[in-house]
């Protein structure tokens, strides 16, 4: 008879990186940042002008929770006005999301939101910071003024 072999396998998780414990409890984010820019955020005009973004190929369709029709839902709100949900088509290649195309479409949705609610603010003052996931395939857009 042959000799019986046994092996044991132990698993020890790697220690969390600095700040990772804090991020683990926060929702996933999609950040908007111009390529080569020092700080994050892009203006509404830059979003609609198809500006080059840093990390433009960092997100997969699965990361964004794209549905079977190739769409995500983005909630846009402004203080003092009711929120609207927009269905945004997501394009990509090789399983990666085309972030510039997505950002341009989000920019169009924001401009529609501002016009529909007659919000009196110049578009060049609005900055798109990031989106936070609120549910699978549902995102909340974070904007500010500069």
C-alpha atoms as a PDB file:
ATOM      1  CA  UNK A   1       0.000   0.000   0.000  1.00  0.00           C
ATOM      2  CA  UNK A   2       1.073   3.504  -0.697  1.00  0.00           C
ATOM      3  CA  UNK A   3       1.948   5.996   1.872  1.00  0.00           C
ATOM      4  CA  UNK A   4      -0.810   8.390   2.827  1.00  0.00           C
ATOM      5  CA  UNK A   5       0.037  12.031   2.458  1.00  0.00           C
ATOM      6  CA  UNK A   6      -1.527  14.872   4.298  1.00  0.00           C
ATOM      7  CA  UNK A   7      -1.102  18.529   3.902  1.00  0.00           C
ATOM      8  CA  UNK A   8      -2.316  21.382   5.928  1.00  0.00           C
ATOM      9  CA  UNK A   9      -3.089  24.772   4.620  1.00  0.00           C
ATOM     10  CA  UNK A  10      -3.284  27.800   6.806  1.00  0.00           C
ATOM     11  CA  UNK A  11      -4.729  31.112   5.816  1.00  0.00           C
ATOM     12  CA  UNK A  12      -3.739  34.367   7.346  1.00  0.00           C
ATOM     13  CA  UNK A  13      -5.245  37.485   5.873  1.00  0.00           C
ATOM     14  CA  UNK A  14      -2.824  40.199   4.913  1.00  0.00           C
ATOM     15  CA  UNK A  15      -2.858  43.177   7.232  1.00  0.00           C
ATOM     16  CA  UNK A  16      -5.013  46.025   5.940  1.00  0.00           C
ATOM     17  CA  UNK A  17      -3.215  48.856   4.195  1.00  0.00           C
ATOM     18  CA  UNK A  18      -3.184  52.272   5.816  1.00  0.00           C
ATOM     19  CA  UNK A  19      -6.710  53.703   5.697  1.00  0.00           C
ATOM     20  CA  UNK A  20      -8.229  50.507   4.262  1.00  0.00           C
ATOM     21  CA  UNK A  21     -10.203  49.745   7.411  1.00  0.00           C
ATOM     22  CA  UNK A  22     -11.954  53.105   7.042  1.00  0.00           C
ATOM     23  CA  UNK A  23     -12.700  52.628   3.335  1.00  0.00           C
ATOM     24  CA  UNK A  24     -14.072  49.135   3.873  1.00  0.00           C
ATOM     25  CA  UNK A  25     -17.183  50.582   5.522  1.00  0.00           C
ATOM     26  CA  UNK A  26     -17.752  53.282   2.905  1.00  0.00           C
ATOM     27  CA  UNK A  27     -19.616  52.666  -0.345  1.00  0.00           C
ATOM     28  CA  UNK A  28     -17.707  52.066  -3.593  1.00  0.00           C
ATOM     29  CA  UNK A  29     -16.928  55.238  -5.545  1.00  0.00           C
ATOM     30  CA  UNK A  30     -16.230  56.274  -9.112  1.00  0.00           C
ATOM     31  CA  UNK A  31     -13.975  59.328  -9.038  1.00  0.00           C
ATOM     32  CA  UNK A  32     -13.743  61.979 -11.739  1.00  0.00           C
ATOM     33  CA  UNK A  33     -10.267  63.458 -12.205  1.00  0.00           C
ATOM     34  CA  UNK A  34      -8.612  65.109 -15.209  1.00  0.00           C
ATOM     35  CA  UNK A  35      -5.530  63.309 -16.467  1.00  0.00           C
ATOM     36  CA  UNK A  36      -2.473  65.032 -14.998  1.00  0.00           C
ATOM     37  CA  UNK A  37      -4.526  67.191 -12.615  1.00  0.00           C
ATOM     38  CA  UNK A  38      -3.338  67.725  -9.059  1.00  0.00           C
ATOM     39  CA  UNK A  39      -6.782  67.429  -7.489  1.00  0.00           C
ATOM     40  CA  UNK A  40      -9.950  65.502  -8.265  1.00  0.00           C
ATOM     41  CA  UNK A  41     -13.197  66.729  -9.757  1.00  0.00           C
ATOM     42  CA  UNK A  42     -14.068  68.047 -13.198  1.00  0.00           C
ATOM     43  CA  UNK A  43     -16.337  70.875 -14.238  1.00  0.00           C
ATOM     44  CA  UNK A  44     -19.600  70.246 -16.020  1.00  0.00           C
ATOM     45  CA  UNK A  45     -18.130  71.815 -19.157  1.00  0.00           C
ATOM     46  CA  UNK A  46     -15.132  69.460 -19.037  1.00  0.00           C
ATOM     47  CA  UNK A  47     -17.443  66.475 -18.637  1.00  0.00           C
ATOM     48  CA  UNK A  48     -19.396  67.443 -21.743  1.00  0.00           C
ATOM     49  CA  UNK A  49     -16.228  68.280 -23.719  1.00  0.00           C
ATOM     50  CA  UNK A  50     -14.922  64.707 -23.373  1.00  0.00           C
ATOM     51  CA  UNK A  51     -11.790  65.702 -21.405  1.00  0.00           C
ATOM     52  CA  UNK A  52      -9.167  62.956 -20.799  1.00  0.00           C
ATOM     53  CA  UNK A  53      -9.624  61.392 -17.391  1.00  0.00           C
ATOM     54  CA  UNK A  54      -7.135  59.743 -15.073  1.00  0.00           C
ATOM     55  CA  UNK A  55      -7.896  56.047 -14.575  1.00  0.00           C
ATOM     56  CA  UNK A  56     -10.246  56.049 -17.556  1.00  0.00           C
ATOM     57  CA  UNK A  57      -9.931  52.264 -17.857  1.00  0.00           C
ATOM     58  CA  UNK A  58      -9.978  51.374 -14.166  1.00  0.00           C
ATOM     59  CA  UNK A  59     -13.581  50.187 -13.848  1.00  0.00           C
ATOM     60  CA  UNK A  60     -15.248  47.039 -15.151  1.00  0.00           C
ATOM     61  CA  UNK A  61     -18.920  46.588 -16.007  1.00  0.00           C
ATOM     62  CA  UNK A  62     -19.187  44.432 -12.899  1.00  0.00           C
ATOM     63  CA  UNK A  63     -17.669  47.192 -10.715  1.00  0.00           C
ATOM     64  CA  UNK A  64     -20.451  49.548 -11.754  1.00  0.00           C
ATOM     65  CA  UNK A  65     -23.222  46.946 -11.544  1.00  0.00           C
ATOM     66  CA  UNK A  66     -24.251  47.475 -15.162  1.00  0.00           C
ATOM     67  CA  UNK A  67     -27.551  45.702 -15.856  1.00  0.00           C
ATOM     68  CA  UNK A  68     -28.316  43.284 -18.711  1.00  0.00           C
ATOM     69  CA  UNK A  69     -29.327  46.231 -20.922  1.00  0.00           C
ATOM     70  CA  UNK A  70     -25.954  47.949 -20.400  1.00  0.00           C
ATOM     71  CA  UNK A  71     -27.261  50.719 -18.125  1.00  0.00           C
ATOM     72  CA  UNK A  72     -26.785  52.135 -14.643  1.00  0.00           C
ATOM     73  CA  UNK A  73     -29.020  54.481 -12.665  1.00  0.00           C
ATOM     74  CA  UNK A  74     -27.687  57.794 -11.410  1.00  0.00           C
ATOM     75  CA  UNK A  75     -29.515  59.926  -8.865  1.00  0.00           C
ATOM     76  CA  UNK A  76     -28.878  63.651  -9.280  1.00  0.00           C
ATOM     77  CA  UNK A  77     -29.908  66.121  -6.613  1.00  0.00           C
ATOM     78  CA  UNK A  78     -29.288  69.720  -5.633  1.00  0.00           C
ATOM     79  CA  UNK A  79     -30.132  71.260  -2.232  1.00  0.00           C
ATOM     80  CA  UNK A  80     -33.644  72.688  -2.216  1.00  0.00           C
ATOM     81  CA  UNK A  81     -34.739  70.784  -5.339  1.00  0.00           C
ATOM     82  CA  UNK A  82     -36.228  67.336  -5.809  1.00  0.00           C
ATOM     83  CA  UNK A  83     -33.904  64.577  -6.967  1.00  0.00           C
ATOM     84  CA  UNK A  84     -34.195  62.887 -10.352  1.00  0.00           C
ATOM     85  CA  UNK A  85     -32.990  59.439 -11.390  1.00  0.00           C
ATOM     86  CA  UNK A  86     -31.389  59.040 -14.789  1.00  0.00           C
ATOM     87  CA  UNK A  87     -30.818  55.828 -16.732  1.00  0.00           C
ATOM     88  CA  UNK A  88     -27.322  56.123 -18.228  1.00  0.00           C
ATOM     89  CA  UNK A  89     -26.018  53.766 -20.961  1.00  0.00           C
ATOM     90  CA  UNK A  90     -22.515  52.421 -20.309  1.00  0.00           C
ATOM     91  CA  UNK A  91     -20.087  51.720 -23.159  1.00  0.00           C
ATOM     92  CA  UNK A  92     -16.805  49.897 -22.954  1.00  0.00           C
ATOM     93  CA  UNK A  93     -14.335  47.545 -24.511  1.00  0.00           C
ATOM     94  CA  UNK A  94     -12.743  44.326 -23.306  1.00  0.00           C
ATOM     95  CA  UNK A  95     -14.892  44.296 -20.165  1.00  0.00           C
ATOM     96  CA  UNK A  96     -13.713  47.785 -19.139  1.00  0.00           C
ATOM     97  CA  UNK A  97     -15.966  50.833 -18.916  1.00  0.00           C
ATOM     98  CA  UNK A  98     -15.238  53.824 -21.169  1.00  0.00           C
ATOM     99  CA  UNK A  99     -15.198  56.355 -18.329  1.00  0.00           C
ATOM    100  CA  UNK A 100     -14.968  59.377 -20.662  1.00  0.00           C
ATOM    101  CA  UNK A 101     -18.146  58.352 -22.468  1.00  0.00           C
ATOM    102  CA  UNK A 102     -19.898  57.675 -19.165  1.00  0.00           C
ATOM    103  CA  UNK A 103     -18.789  61.049 -17.784  1.00  0.00           C
ATOM    104  CA  UNK A 104     -20.025  62.863 -20.904  1.00  0.00           C
ATOM    105  CA  UNK A 105     -23.443  61.197 -20.545  1.00  0.00           C
ATOM    106  CA  UNK A 106     -23.581  62.064 -16.841  1.00  0.00           C
ATOM    107  CA  UNK A 107     -22.704  65.655 -17.784  1.00  0.00           C
ATOM    108  CA  UNK A 108     -25.659  65.726 -20.183  1.00  0.00           C
ATOM    109  CA  UNK A 109     -27.935  64.395 -17.445  1.00  0.00           C
ATOM    110  CA  UNK A 110     -26.717  67.098 -15.029  1.00  0.00           C
ATOM    111  CA  UNK A 111     -27.330  69.848 -17.592  1.00  0.00           C
ATOM    112  CA  UNK A 112     -30.842  68.455 -18.179  1.00  0.00           C
ATOM    113  CA  UNK A 113     -31.445  68.390 -14.414  1.00  0.00           C
ATOM    114  CA  UNK A 114     -30.325  72.023 -14.042  1.00  0.00           C
ATOM    115  CA  UNK A 115     -32.540  73.152 -16.937  1.00  0.00           C
ATOM    116  CA  UNK A 116     -35.559  71.121 -15.793  1.00  0.00           C
ATOM    117  CA  UNK A 117     -35.385  72.612 -12.291  1.00  0.00           C
ATOM    118  CA  UNK A 118     -34.404  76.100 -13.505  1.00  0.00           C
ATOM    119  CA  UNK A 119     -31.421  76.209 -11.133  1.00  0.00           C
ATOM    120  CA  UNK A 120     -29.733  79.607 -11.531  1.00  0.00           C
ATOM    121  CA  UNK A 121     -26.046  78.687 -11.453  1.00  0.00           C
ATOM    122  CA  UNK A 122     -23.438  78.981 -14.210  1.00  0.00           C
ATOM    123  CA  UNK A 123     -22.454  75.561 -15.511  1.00  0.00           C
ATOM    124  CA  UNK A 124     -18.748  76.360 -15.368  1.00  0.00           C
ATOM    125  CA  UNK A 125     -19.019  76.634 -11.566  1.00  0.00           C
ATOM    126  CA  UNK A 126     -20.421  73.123 -11.115  1.00  0.00           C
ATOM    127  CA  UNK A 127     -17.855  70.445 -10.343  1.00  0.00           C
ATOM    128  CA  UNK A 128     -18.547  66.710 -10.575  1.00  0.00           C
ATOM    129  CA  UNK A 129     -16.602  65.094  -7.759  1.00  0.00           C
ATOM    130  CA  UNK A 130     -17.539  61.416  -7.665  1.00  0.00           C
ATOM    131  CA  UNK A 131     -20.375  58.905  -7.604  1.00  0.00           C
ATOM    132  CA  UNK A 132     -21.182  56.690  -4.628  1.00  0.00           C
ATOM    133  CA  UNK A 133     -22.917  53.352  -5.015  1.00  0.00           C
ATOM    134  CA  UNK A 134     -26.230  53.224  -3.142  1.00  0.00           C
ATOM    135  CA  UNK A 135     -27.307  49.829  -4.490  1.00  0.00           C
ATOM    136  CA  UNK A 136     -26.288  47.394  -7.207  1.00  0.00           C
ATOM    137  CA  UNK A 137     -26.155  49.494 -10.383  1.00  0.00           C
ATOM    138  CA  UNK A 138     -27.557  52.586  -8.613  1.00  0.00           C
ATOM    139  CA  UNK A 139     -25.313  55.567  -7.972  1.00  0.00           C
ATOM    140  CA  UNK A 140     -25.619  58.986  -6.324  1.00  0.00           C
ATOM    141  CA  UNK A 141     -23.673  61.801  -8.001  1.00  0.00           C
ATOM    142  CA  UNK A 142     -21.757  64.147  -5.697  1.00  0.00           C
ATOM    143  CA  UNK A 143     -21.417  67.701  -7.046  1.00  0.00           C
ATOM    144  CA  UNK A 144     -20.208  70.983  -5.649  1.00  0.00           C
ATOM    145  CA  UNK A 145     -19.600  74.562  -6.770  1.00  0.00           C
ATOM    146  CA  UNK A 146     -16.166  76.079  -7.190  1.00  0.00           C
END
